[in-house]
Structures are given as structure tokens and as C-alpha cells.
Amino acid sequence: MLNTPLTVKRTFSNGHRKTVGKLAENRDGTYFQYDEAYLEKHPSSIAPFNIKADLSLQKAPRQPHYGLHGVFGDSFLMVGGYTSWIGFLGKMATIHN
């Protein structure tokens, strides 16, 4: 289980990196919350079918990505399944665009 939230960053084509939000996990599931400054500048969702473009804490559905929001499941290197991707990546995850 994740002990500290992961900071999710986005790398733009010009090389600039922006914090998108945080991923956190507890016994009930995995949650994502946008960074307020990111939403002010980029008001559309990174995953419009599953993540609302607002500041609410949003729980990932159990399926089809084993309790992880699909946009993150598709973005992370898998090492030993969905349980160990958090420990492998440490505190920072990056989504490249």
C-alpha cells in the first residue's frame, strides 16, 4: 500500500513539466486529485471518461484496471503487477504527452 501520495507530473512537448495532481491509496482503493494550479491553466480532464476536471478526490473504479484509473494504468511501467508499481516508482510518476 502507498504510504505517501505520488505526485503526477506532465511533460509537455517543449520540455516543461507541470504537476497534474496526486495519486493516493488506502484500504478502500486508489484516489486521484488534480492540482488546483494545473486545472486553472488546463481545464479539461486528462481522462474525460473517468476523471472529472475538478478538485474532488476521485476514486478509481475496480475494473478494468484493477483499481487504478485507466490513464495511469496505461502510463506506468508494470513490475510485478499493479500492487508493486507504486513501490517501484517511489514518490514521483510522470505522464508524458
PDB file of N, CA and C in Angstrom:
ATOM      1  N   MET A   1       0.833  -1.172   0.000  1.00  0.00           N
ATOM      2  CA  MET A   1       0.000   0.000   0.000  1.00  0.00           C
ATOM      3  C   MET A   1       0.888   1.249   0.000  1.00  0.00           C
ATOM      4  N   LEU A   2       0.416   2.275  -0.654  1.00  0.00           N
ATOM      5  CA  LEU A   2       1.142   3.534  -0.776  1.00  0.00           C
ATOM      6  C   LEU A   2       1.122   4.286   0.547  1.00  0.00           C
ATOM      7  N   ASN A   3       2.297   4.616   1.080  1.00  0.00           N
ATOM      8  CA  ASN A   3       2.371   5.337   2.344  1.00  0.00           C
ATOM      9  C   ASN A   3       2.331   6.846   2.165  1.00  0.00           C
ATOM     10  N   THR A   4       2.806   7.331   1.040  1.00  0.00           N
ATOM     11  CA  THR A   4       2.762   8.756   0.732  1.00  0.00           C
ATOM     12  C   THR A   4       2.204   8.927  -0.672  1.00  0.00           C
ATOM     13  N   PRO A   5       1.486  10.018  -0.917  1.00  0.00           N
ATOM     14  CA  PRO A   5       0.915  10.215  -2.257  1.00  0.00           C
ATOM     15  C   PRO A   5       1.998  10.356  -3.326  1.00  0.00           C
ATOM     16  N   LEU A   6       1.664   9.928  -4.530  1.00  0.00           N
ATOM     17  CA  LEU A   6       2.542  10.129  -5.685  1.00  0.00           C
ATOM     18  C   LEU A   6       2.190  11.463  -6.323  1.00  0.00           C
ATOM     19  N   THR A   7       3.196  12.229  -6.694  1.00  0.00           N
ATOM     20  CA  THR A   7       2.984  13.448  -7.455  1.00  0.00           C
ATOM     21  C   THR A   7       2.985  13.076  -8.925  1.00  0.00           C
ATOM     22  N   VAL A   8       1.898  13.388  -9.624  1.00  0.00           N
ATOM     23  CA  VAL A   8       1.782  13.091 -11.045  1.00  0.00           C
ATOM     24  C   VAL A   8       2.151  14.349 -11.824  1.00  0.00           C
ATOM     25  N   LYS A   9       3.144  14.232 -12.691  1.00  0.00           N
ATOM     26  CA  LYS A   9       3.597  15.363 -13.491  1.00  0.00           C
ATOM     27  C   LYS A   9       3.377  15.073 -14.966  1.00  0.00           C
ATOM     28  N   ARG A  10       3.198  16.131 -15.724  1.00  0.00           N
ATOM     29  CA  ARG A  10       3.025  16.030 -17.177  1.00  0.00           C
ATOM     30  C   ARG A  10       4.177  16.763 -17.842  1.00  0.00           C
ATOM     31  N   THR A  11       4.813  16.109 -18.806  1.00  0.00           N
ATOM     32  CA  THR A  11       5.882  16.729 -19.573  1.00  0.00           C
ATOM     33  C   THR A  11       5.320  17.135 -20.931  1.00  0.00           C
ATOM     34  N   PHE A  12       5.389  18.429 -21.229  1.00  0.00           N
ATOM     35  CA  PHE A  12       4.876  18.950 -22.485  1.00  0.00           C
ATOM     36  C   PHE A  12       5.937  18.841 -23.580  1.00  0.00           C
ATOM     37  N   SER A  13       5.528  19.005 -24.834  1.00  0.00           N
ATOM     38  CA  SER A  13       6.451  18.848 -25.963  1.00  0.00           C
ATOM     39  C   SER A  13       7.599  19.846 -25.924  1.00  0.00           C
ATOM     40  N   ASN A  14       7.432  20.973 -25.227  1.00  0.00           N
ATOM     41  CA  ASN A  14       8.514  21.954 -25.117  1.00  0.00           C
ATOM     42  C   ASN A  14       9.462  21.648 -23.959  1.00  0.00           C
ATOM     43  N   GLY A  15       9.221  20.541 -23.264  1.00  0.00           N
ATOM     44  CA  GLY A  15      10.090  20.132 -22.169  1.00  0.00           C
ATOM     45  C   GLY A  15       9.647  20.606 -20.796  1.00  0.00           C
ATOM     46  N   HIS A  16       8.694  21.517 -20.714  1.00  0.00           N
ATOM     47  CA  HIS A  16       8.212  21.991 -19.425  1.00  0.00           C
ATOM     48  C   HIS A  16       7.420  20.897 -18.724  1.00  0.00           C
ATOM     49  N   ARG A  17       7.615  20.813 -17.398  1.00  0.00           N
ATOM     50  CA  ARG A  17       6.895  19.835 -16.590  1.00  0.00           C
ATOM     51  C   ARG A  17       5.969  20.568 -15.634  1.00  0.00           C
ATOM     52  N   LYS A  18       4.750  20.079 -15.530  1.00  0.00           N
ATOM     53  CA  LYS A  18       3.751  20.659 -14.638  1.00  0.00           C
ATOM     54  C   LYS A  18       3.168  19.565 -13.752  1.00  0.00           C
ATOM     55  N   THR A  19       2.934  19.894 -12.508  1.00  0.00           N
ATOM     56  CA  THR A  19       2.263  18.964 -11.611  1.00  0.00           C
ATOM     57  C   THR A  19       0.793  18.899 -12.001  1.00  0.00           C
ATOM     58  N   VAL A  20       0.297  17.688 -12.238  1.00  0.00           N
ATOM     59  CA  VAL A  20      -1.100  17.466 -12.612  1.00  0.00           C
ATOM     60  C   VAL A  20      -1.948  17.241 -11.366  1.00  0.00           C
ATOM     61  N   GLY A  21      -1.418  16.485 -10.415  1.00  0.00           N
ATOM     62  CA  GLY A  21      -2.166  16.179  -9.204  1.00  0.00           C
ATOM     63  C   GLY A  21      -1.454  15.130  -8.374  1.00  0.00           C
ATOM     64  N   LYS A  22      -2.224  14.457  -7.529  1.00  0.00           N
ATOM     65  CA  LYS A  22      -1.680  13.436  -6.626  1.00  0.00           C
ATOM     66  C   LYS A  22      -2.487  12.152  -6.737  1.00  0.00           C
ATOM     67  N   LEU A  23      -1.793  11.042  -6.616  1.00  0.00           N
ATOM     68  CA  LEU A  23      -2.402   9.715  -6.502  1.00  0.00           C
ATOM     69  C   LEU A  23      -2.155   9.228  -5.076  1.00  0.00           C
ATOM     70  N   ALA A  24      -3.175   8.682  -4.456  1.00  0.00           N
ATOM     71  CA  ALA A  24      -3.019   8.142  -3.112  1.00  0.00           C
ATOM     72  C   ALA A  24      -3.800   6.838  -3.021  1.00  0.00           C
ATOM     73  N   GLU A  25      -3.391   5.997  -2.097  1.00  0.00           N
ATOM     74  CA  GLU A  25      -4.022   4.687  -1.938  1.00  0.00           C
ATOM     75  C   GLU A  25      -4.288   4.437  -0.462  1.00  0.00           C
ATOM     76  N   ASN A  26      -5.426   3.816  -0.172  1.00  0.00           N
ATOM     77  CA  ASN A  26      -5.693   3.303   1.163  1.00  0.00           C
ATOM     78  C   ASN A  26      -6.397   1.959   1.020  1.00  0.00           C
ATOM     79  N   ARG A  27      -6.918   1.416   2.088  1.00  0.00           N
ATOM     80  CA  ARG A  27      -7.559   0.097   2.025  1.00  0.00           C
ATOM     81  C   ARG A  27      -8.790   0.082   1.144  1.00  0.00           C
ATOM     82  N   ASP A  28      -9.403   1.245   0.936  1.00  0.00           N
ATOM     83  CA  ASP A  28     -10.624   1.322   0.134  1.00  0.00           C
ATOM     84  C   ASP A  28     -10.368   1.444  -1.355  1.00  0.00           C
ATOM     85  N   GLY A  29      -9.158   1.850  -1.748  1.00  0.00           N
ATOM     86  CA  GLY A  29      -8.865   1.995  -3.162  1.00  0.00           C
ATOM     87  C   GLY A  29      -7.801   3.033  -3.463  1.00  0.00           C
ATOM     88  N   THR A  30      -7.705   3.371  -4.742  1.00  0.00           N
ATOM     89  CA  THR A  30      -6.743   4.364  -5.223  1.00  0.00           C
ATOM     90  C   THR A  30      -7.511   5.612  -5.627  1.00  0.00           C
ATOM     91  N   TYR A  31      -6.969   6.772  -5.262  1.00  0.00           N
ATOM     92  CA  TYR A  31      -7.645   8.044  -5.481  1.00  0.00           C
ATOM     93  C   TYR A  31      -6.733   9.017  -6.223  1.00  0.00           C
ATOM     94  N   PHE A  32      -7.353   9.889  -7.015  1.00  0.00           N
ATOM     95  CA  PHE A  32      -6.629  10.949  -7.708  1.00  0.00           C
ATOM     96  C   PHE A  32      -7.284  12.282  -7.382  1.00  0.00           C
ATOM     97  N   GLN A  33      -6.448  13.313  -7.248  1.00  0.00           N
ATOM     98  CA  GLN A  33      -6.954  14.674  -7.081  1.00  0.00           C
ATOM     99  C   GLN A  33      -6.070  15.612  -7.888  1.00  0.00           C
ATOM    100  N   TYR A  34      -6.725  16.438  -8.713  1.00  0.00           N
ATOM    101  CA  TYR A  34      -6.000  17.419  -9.519  1.00  0.00           C
ATOM    102  C   TYR A  34      -5.348  18.485  -8.652  1.00  0.00           C
ATOM    103  N   ASP A  35      -4.251  19.023  -9.136  1.00  0.00           N
ATOM    104  CA  ASP A  35      -3.618  20.199  -8.558  1.00  0.00           C
ATOM    105  C   ASP A  35      -4.410  21.429  -9.030  1.00  0.00           C
ATOM    106  N   GLU A  36      -4.725  22.325  -8.132  1.00  0.00           N
ATOM    107  CA  GLU A  36      -5.548  23.491  -8.464  1.00  0.00           C
ATOM    108  C   GLU A  36      -4.911  24.356  -9.549  1.00  0.00           C
ATOM    109  N   ALA A  37      -3.613  24.581  -9.478  1.00  0.00           N
ATOM    110  CA  ALA A  37      -2.924  25.414 -10.476  1.00  0.00           C
ATOM    111  C   ALA A  37      -2.968  24.770 -11.863  1.00  0.00           C
ATOM    112  N   TYR A  38      -2.886  23.445 -11.916  1.00  0.00           N
ATOM    113  CA  TYR A  38      -2.962  22.752 -13.199  1.00  0.00           C
ATOM    114  C   TYR A  38      -4.333  22.955 -13.840  1.00  0.00           C
ATOM    115  N   LEU A  39      -5.395  22.771 -13.058  1.00  0.00           N
ATOM    116  CA  LEU A  39      -6.747  22.930 -13.607  1.00  0.00           C
ATOM    117  C   LEU A  39      -7.031  24.360 -14.060  1.00  0.00           C
ATOM    118  N   GLU A  40      -6.459  25.330 -13.382  1.00  0.00           N
ATOM    119  CA  GLU A  40      -6.656  26.719 -13.795  1.00  0.00           C
ATOM    120  C   GLU A  40      -6.112  26.956 -15.201  1.00  0.00           C
ATOM    121  N   LYS A  41      -4.986  26.332 -15.498  1.00  0.00           N
ATOM    122  CA  LYS A  41      -4.342  26.520 -16.801  1.00  0.00           C
ATOM    123  C   LYS A  41      -4.827  25.512 -17.852  1.00  0.00           C
ATOM    124  N   HIS A  42      -5.217  24.325 -17.424  1.00  0.00           N
ATOM    125  CA  HIS A  42      -5.638  23.236 -18.315  1.00  0.00           C
ATOM    126  C   HIS A  42      -6.970  22.681 -17.798  1.00  0.00           C
ATOM    127  N   PRO A  43      -8.098  23.314 -18.147  1.00  0.00           N
ATOM    128  CA  PRO A  43      -9.384  22.947 -17.551  1.00  0.00           C
ATOM    129  C   PRO A  43     -10.031  21.663 -18.068  1.00  0.00           C
ATOM    130  N   SER A  44      -9.434  20.986 -19.030  1.00  0.00           N
ATOM    131  CA  SER A  44     -10.016  19.728 -19.495  1.00  0.00           C
ATOM    132  C   SER A  44      -9.335  18.544 -18.803  1.00  0.00           C
ATOM    133  N   SER A  45     -10.072  17.450 -18.697  1.00  0.00           N
ATOM    134  CA  SER A  45      -9.590  16.271 -17.985  1.00  0.00           C
ATOM    135  C   SER A  45      -8.531  15.515 -18.778  1.00  0.00           C
ATOM    136  N   ILE A  46      -7.599  14.886 -18.060  1.00  0.00           N
ATOM    137  CA  ILE A  46      -6.612  14.015 -18.705  1.00  0.00           C
ATOM    138  C   ILE A  46      -7.232  12.669 -19.059  1.00  0.00           C
ATOM    139  N   ALA A  47      -8.407  12.388 -18.502  1.00  0.00           N
ATOM    140  CA  ALA A  47      -9.138  11.140 -18.770  1.00  0.00           C
ATOM    141  C   ALA A  47     -10.630  11.447 -18.663  1.00  0.00           C
ATOM    142  N   PRO A  48     -11.216  12.045 -19.693  1.00  0.00           N
ATOM    143  CA  PRO A  48     -12.584  12.551 -19.593  1.00  0.00           C
ATOM    144  C   PRO A  48     -13.664  11.511 -19.297  1.00  0.00           C
ATOM    145  N   PHE A  49     -13.420  10.231 -19.543  1.00  0.00           N
ATOM    146  CA  PHE A  49     -14.436   9.216 -19.261  1.00  0.00           C
ATOM    147  C   PHE A  49     -14.462   8.816 -17.789  1.00  0.00           C
ATOM    148  N   ASN A  50     -13.344   8.993 -17.076  1.00  0.00           N
ATOM    149  CA  ASN A  50     -13.272   8.503 -15.696  1.00  0.00           C
ATOM    150  C   ASN A  50     -12.854   9.528 -14.653  1.00  0.00           C
ATOM    151  N   ILE A  51     -12.248  10.625 -15.053  1.00  0.00           N
ATOM    152  CA  ILE A  51     -11.776  11.616 -14.088  1.00  0.00           C
ATOM    153  C   ILE A  51     -12.376  12.969 -14.443  1.00  0.00           C
ATOM    154  N   LYS A  52     -13.157  13.519 -13.515  1.00  0.00           N
ATOM    155  CA  LYS A  52     -13.754  14.832 -13.727  1.00  0.00           C
ATOM    156  C   LYS A  52     -12.684  15.905 -13.581  1.00  0.00           C
ATOM    157  N   ALA A  53     -12.804  16.972 -14.338  1.00  0.00           N
ATOM    158  CA  ALA A  53     -11.859  18.093 -14.268  1.00  0.00           C
ATOM    159  C   ALA A  53     -12.288  19.027 -13.144  1.00  0.00           C
ATOM    160  N   ASP A  54     -12.136  18.551 -11.911  1.00  0.00           N
ATOM    161  CA  ASP A  54     -12.433  19.370 -10.742  1.00  0.00           C
ATOM    162  C   ASP A  54     -11.496  18.972  -9.603  1.00  0.00           C
ATOM    163  N   LEU A  55     -11.649  19.608  -8.453  1.00  0.00           N
ATOM    164  CA  LEU A  55     -10.726  19.381  -7.339  1.00  0.00           C
ATOM    165  C   LEU A  55     -11.171  18.273  -6.379  1.00  0.00           C
ATOM    166  N   SER A  56     -12.205  17.533  -6.733  1.00  0.00           N
ATOM    167  CA  SER A  56     -12.677  16.467  -5.851  1.00  0.00           C
ATOM    168  C   SER A  56     -11.690  15.303  -5.801  1.00  0.00           C
ATOM    169  N   LEU A  57     -11.744  14.558  -4.704  1.00  0.00           N
ATOM    170  CA  LEU A  57     -10.956  13.343  -4.554  1.00  0.00           C
ATOM    171  C   LEU A  57     -11.725  12.250  -5.287  1.00  0.00           C
ATOM    172  N   GLN A  58     -11.111  11.628  -6.307  1.00  0.00           N
ATOM    173  CA  GLN A  58     -11.833  10.720  -7.201  1.00  0.00           C
ATOM    174  C   GLN A  58     -11.287   9.300  -7.113  1.00  0.00           C
ATOM    175  N   LYS A  59     -12.143   8.407  -6.670  1.00  0.00           N
ATOM    176  CA  LYS A  59     -11.756   7.006  -6.509  1.00  0.00           C
ATOM    177  C   LYS A  59     -11.752   6.298  -7.858  1.00  0.00           C
ATOM    178  N   ALA A  60     -10.741   5.489  -8.080  1.00  0.00           N
ATOM    179  CA  ALA A  60     -10.637   4.710  -9.319  1.00  0.00           C
ATOM    180  C   ALA A  60     -11.606   3.539  -9.273  1.00  0.00           C
ATOM    181  N   PRO A  61     -12.193   3.186 -10.424  1.00  0.00           N
ATOM    182  CA  PRO A  61     -13.061   2.001 -10.456  1.00  0.00           C
ATOM    183  C   PRO A  61     -12.228   0.723 -10.298  1.00  0.00           C
ATOM    184  N   ARG A  62     -12.826  -0.315  -9.755  1.00  0.00           N
ATOM    185  CA  ARG A  62     -12.120  -1.595  -9.576  1.00  0.00           C
ATOM    186  C   ARG A  62     -11.709  -2.225 -10.908  1.00  0.00           C
ATOM    187  N   GLN A  63     -12.573  -2.115 -11.899  1.00  0.00           N
ATOM    188  CA  GLN A  63     -12.306  -2.708 -13.214  1.00  0.00           C
ATOM    189  C   GLN A  63     -12.338  -1.618 -14.272  1.00  0.00           C
ATOM    190  N   PRO A  64     -11.638  -1.684 -15.336  1.00  0.00           N
ATOM    191  CA  PRO A  64     -10.893  -2.845 -15.814  1.00  0.00           C
ATOM    192  C   PRO A  64      -9.403  -2.824 -15.460  1.00  0.00           C
ATOM    193  N   HIS A  65      -8.957  -1.855 -14.660  1.00  0.00           N
ATOM    194  CA  HIS A  65      -7.516  -1.711 -14.406  1.00  0.00           C
ATOM    195  C   HIS A  65      -7.135  -2.032 -12.966  1.00  0.00           C
ATOM    196  N   TYR A  66      -7.844  -2.987 -12.362  1.00  0.00           N
ATOM    197  CA  TYR A  66      -7.503  -3.474 -11.023  1.00  0.00           C
ATOM    198  C   TYR A  66      -7.443  -2.360  -9.987  1.00  0.00           C
ATOM    199  N   GLY A  67      -8.393  -1.432 -10.041  1.00  0.00           N
ATOM    200  CA  GLY A  67      -8.472  -0.383  -9.036  1.00  0.00           C
ATOM    201  C   GLY A  67      -7.588   0.821  -9.288  1.00  0.00           C
ATOM    202  N   LEU A  68      -7.126   0.982 -10.511  1.00  0.00           N
ATOM    203  CA  LEU A  68      -6.297   2.129 -10.881  1.00  0.00           C
ATOM    204  C   LEU A  68      -6.978   2.854 -12.026  1.00  0.00           C
ATOM    205  N   HIS A  69      -6.975   4.188 -12.003  1.00  0.00           N
ATOM    206  CA  HIS A  69      -7.533   4.932 -13.131  1.00  0.00           C
ATOM    207  C   HIS A  69      -6.809   4.506 -14.403  1.00  0.00           C
ATOM    208  N   GLY A  70      -7.572   4.291 -15.460  1.00  0.00           N
ATOM    209  CA  GLY A  70      -7.007   3.776 -16.708  1.00  0.00           C
ATOM    210  C   GLY A  70      -5.871   4.603 -17.265  1.00  0.00           C
ATOM    211  N   VAL A  71      -5.952   5.916 -17.188  1.00  0.00           N
ATOM    212  CA  VAL A  71      -4.890   6.768 -17.727  1.00  0.00           C
ATOM    213  C   VAL A  71      -3.554   6.483 -17.042  1.00  0.00           C
ATOM    214  N   PHE A  72      -3.584   6.121 -15.780  1.00  0.00           N
ATOM    215  CA  PHE A  72      -2.345   5.808 -15.071  1.00  0.00           C
ATOM    216  C   PHE A  72      -1.919   4.368 -15.317  1.00  0.00           C
ATOM    217  N   GLY A  73      -2.871   3.464 -15.405  1.00  0.00           N
ATOM    218  CA  GLY A  73      -2.551   2.078 -15.711  1.00  0.00           C
ATOM    219  C   GLY A  73      -1.872   1.943 -17.062  1.00  0.00           C
ATOM    220  N   ASP A  74      -2.265   2.787 -18.006  1.00  0.00           N
ATOM    221  CA  ASP A  74      -1.671   2.769 -19.342  1.00  0.00           C
ATOM    222  C   ASP A  74      -0.334   3.490 -19.397  1.00  0.00           C
ATOM    223  N   SER A  75      -0.010   4.258 -18.372  1.00  0.00           N
ATOM    224  CA  SER A  75       1.179   5.111 -18.409  1.00  0.00           C
ATOM    225  C   SER A  75       2.368   4.562 -17.634  1.00  0.00           C
ATOM    226  N   PHE A  76       2.126   3.677 -16.680  1.00  0.00           N
ATOM    227  CA  PHE A  76       3.198   3.213 -15.814  1.00  0.00           C
ATOM    228  C   PHE A  76       3.817   1.916 -16.291  1.00  0.00           C
ATOM    229  N   LEU A  77       5.088   1.772 -16.046  1.00  0.00           N
ATOM    230  CA  LEU A  77       5.801   0.526 -16.275  1.00  0.00           C
ATOM    231  C   LEU A  77       5.327  -0.479 -15.236  1.00  0.00           C
ATOM    232  N   MET A  78       4.933  -1.633 -15.681  1.00  0.00           N
ATOM    233  CA  MET A  78       4.438  -2.642 -14.757  1.00  0.00           C
ATOM    234  C   MET A  78       5.589  -3.525 -14.279  1.00  0.00           C
ATOM    235  N   VAL A  79       5.723  -3.635 -12.988  1.00  0.00           N
ATOM    236  CA  VAL A  79       6.733  -4.502 -12.381  1.00  0.00           C
ATOM    237  C   VAL A  79       6.029  -5.335 -11.326  1.00  0.00           C
ATOM    238  N   GLY A  80       5.764  -6.566 -11.640  1.00  0.00           N
ATOM    239  CA  GLY A  80       5.134  -7.453 -10.675  1.00  0.00           C
ATOM    240  C   GLY A  80       3.659  -7.187 -10.451  1.00  0.00           C
ATOM    241  N   GLY A  81       3.003  -6.525 -11.373  1.00  0.00           N
ATOM    242  CA  GLY A  81       1.570  -6.279 -11.252  1.00  0.00           C
ATOM    243  C   GLY A  81       1.247  -4.918 -10.672  1.00  0.00           C
ATOM    244  N   TYR A  82      -0.031  -4.657 -10.505  1.00  0.00           N
ATOM    245  CA  TYR A  82      -0.492  -3.346 -10.063  1.00  0.00           C
ATOM    246  C   TYR A  82      -0.120  -3.024  -8.626  1.00  0.00           C
ATOM    247  N   THR A  83       0.133  -4.021  -7.818  1.00  0.00           N
ATOM    248  CA  THR A  83       0.484  -3.757  -6.428  1.00  0.00           C
ATOM    249  C   THR A  83       1.860  -3.125  -6.303  1.00  0.00           C
ATOM    250  N   SER A  84       2.806  -3.560  -7.104  1.00  0.00           N
ATOM    251  CA  SER A  84       4.185  -3.102  -6.917  1.00  0.00           C
ATOM    252  C   SER A  84       4.570  -1.890  -7.748  1.00  0.00           C
ATOM    253  N   TRP A  85       3.691  -1.403  -8.649  1.00  0.00           N
ATOM    254  CA  TRP A  85       4.085  -0.241  -9.445  1.00  0.00           C
ATOM    255  C   TRP A  85       4.311   0.965  -8.574  1.00  0.00           C
ATOM    256  N   ILE A  86       3.568   1.092  -7.479  1.00  0.00           N
ATOM    257  CA  ILE A  86       3.728   2.240  -6.595  1.00  0.00           C
ATOM    258  C   ILE A  86       5.090   2.197  -5.916  1.00  0.00           C
ATOM    259  N   GLY A  87       5.447   1.044  -5.356  1.00  0.00           N
ATOM    260  CA  GLY A  87       6.737   0.925  -4.687  1.00  0.00           C
ATOM    261  C   GLY A  87       7.902   1.098  -5.642  1.00  0.00           C
ATOM    262  N   PHE A  88       7.754   0.629  -6.874  1.00  0.00           N
ATOM    263  CA  PHE A  88       8.817   0.755  -7.865  1.00  0.00           C
ATOM    264  C   PHE A  88       9.059   2.201  -8.255  1.00  0.00           C
ATOM    265  N   LEU A  89       7.983   2.971  -8.395  1.00  0.00           N
ATOM    266  CA  LEU A  89       8.131   4.341  -8.855  1.00  0.00           C
ATOM    267  C   LEU A  89       8.476   5.328  -7.741  1.00  0.00           C
ATOM    268  N   GLY A  90       8.272   4.955  -6.505  1.00  0.00           N
ATOM    269  CA  GLY A  90       8.580   5.875  -5.428  1.00  0.00           C
ATOM    270  C   GLY A  90       7.576   7.005  -5.344  1.00  0.00           C
ATOM    271  N   LYS A  91       8.064   8.218  -5.108  1.00  0.00           N
ATOM    272  CA  LYS A  91       7.172   9.346  -4.867  1.00  0.00           C
ATOM    273  C   LYS A  91       6.753  10.085  -6.114  1.00  0.00           C
ATOM    274  N   MET A  92       7.371   9.876  -7.248  1.00  0.00           N
ATOM    275  CA  MET A  92       7.021  10.663  -8.414  1.00  0.00           C
ATOM    276  C   MET A  92       6.714   9.775  -9.606  1.00  0.00           C
ATOM    277  N   ALA A  93       5.649  10.084 -10.265  1.00  0.00           N
ATOM    278  CA  ALA A  93       5.284   9.405 -11.510  1.00  0.00           C
ATOM    279  C   ALA A  93       5.165  10.466 -12.592  1.00  0.00           C
ATOM    280  N   THR A  94       5.485  10.125 -13.808  1.00  0.00           N
ATOM    281  CA  THR A  94       5.431  11.095 -14.895  1.00  0.00           C
ATOM    282  C   THR A  94       4.586  10.559 -16.040  1.00  0.00           C
ATOM    283  N   ILE A  95       3.670  11.393 -16.505  1.00  0.00           N
ATOM    284  CA  ILE A  95       2.896  11.079 -17.699  1.00  0.00           C
ATOM    285  C   ILE A  95       3.470  11.953 -18.807  1.00  0.00           C
ATOM    286  N   HIS A  96       3.929  11.352 -19.871  1.00  0.00           N
ATOM    287  CA  HIS A  96       4.480  12.120 -20.997  1.00  0.00           C
ATOM    288  C   HIS A  96       3.401  12.377 -22.019  1.00  0.00           C
ATOM    289  N   ASN A  97       3.380  13.598 -22.539  1.00  0.00           N
ATOM    290  CA  ASN A  97       2.386  13.968 -23.547  1.00  0.00           C
ATOM    291  C   ASN A  97       3.101  14.472 -24.783  1.00  0.00           C
TER     292      ASN A  97
END
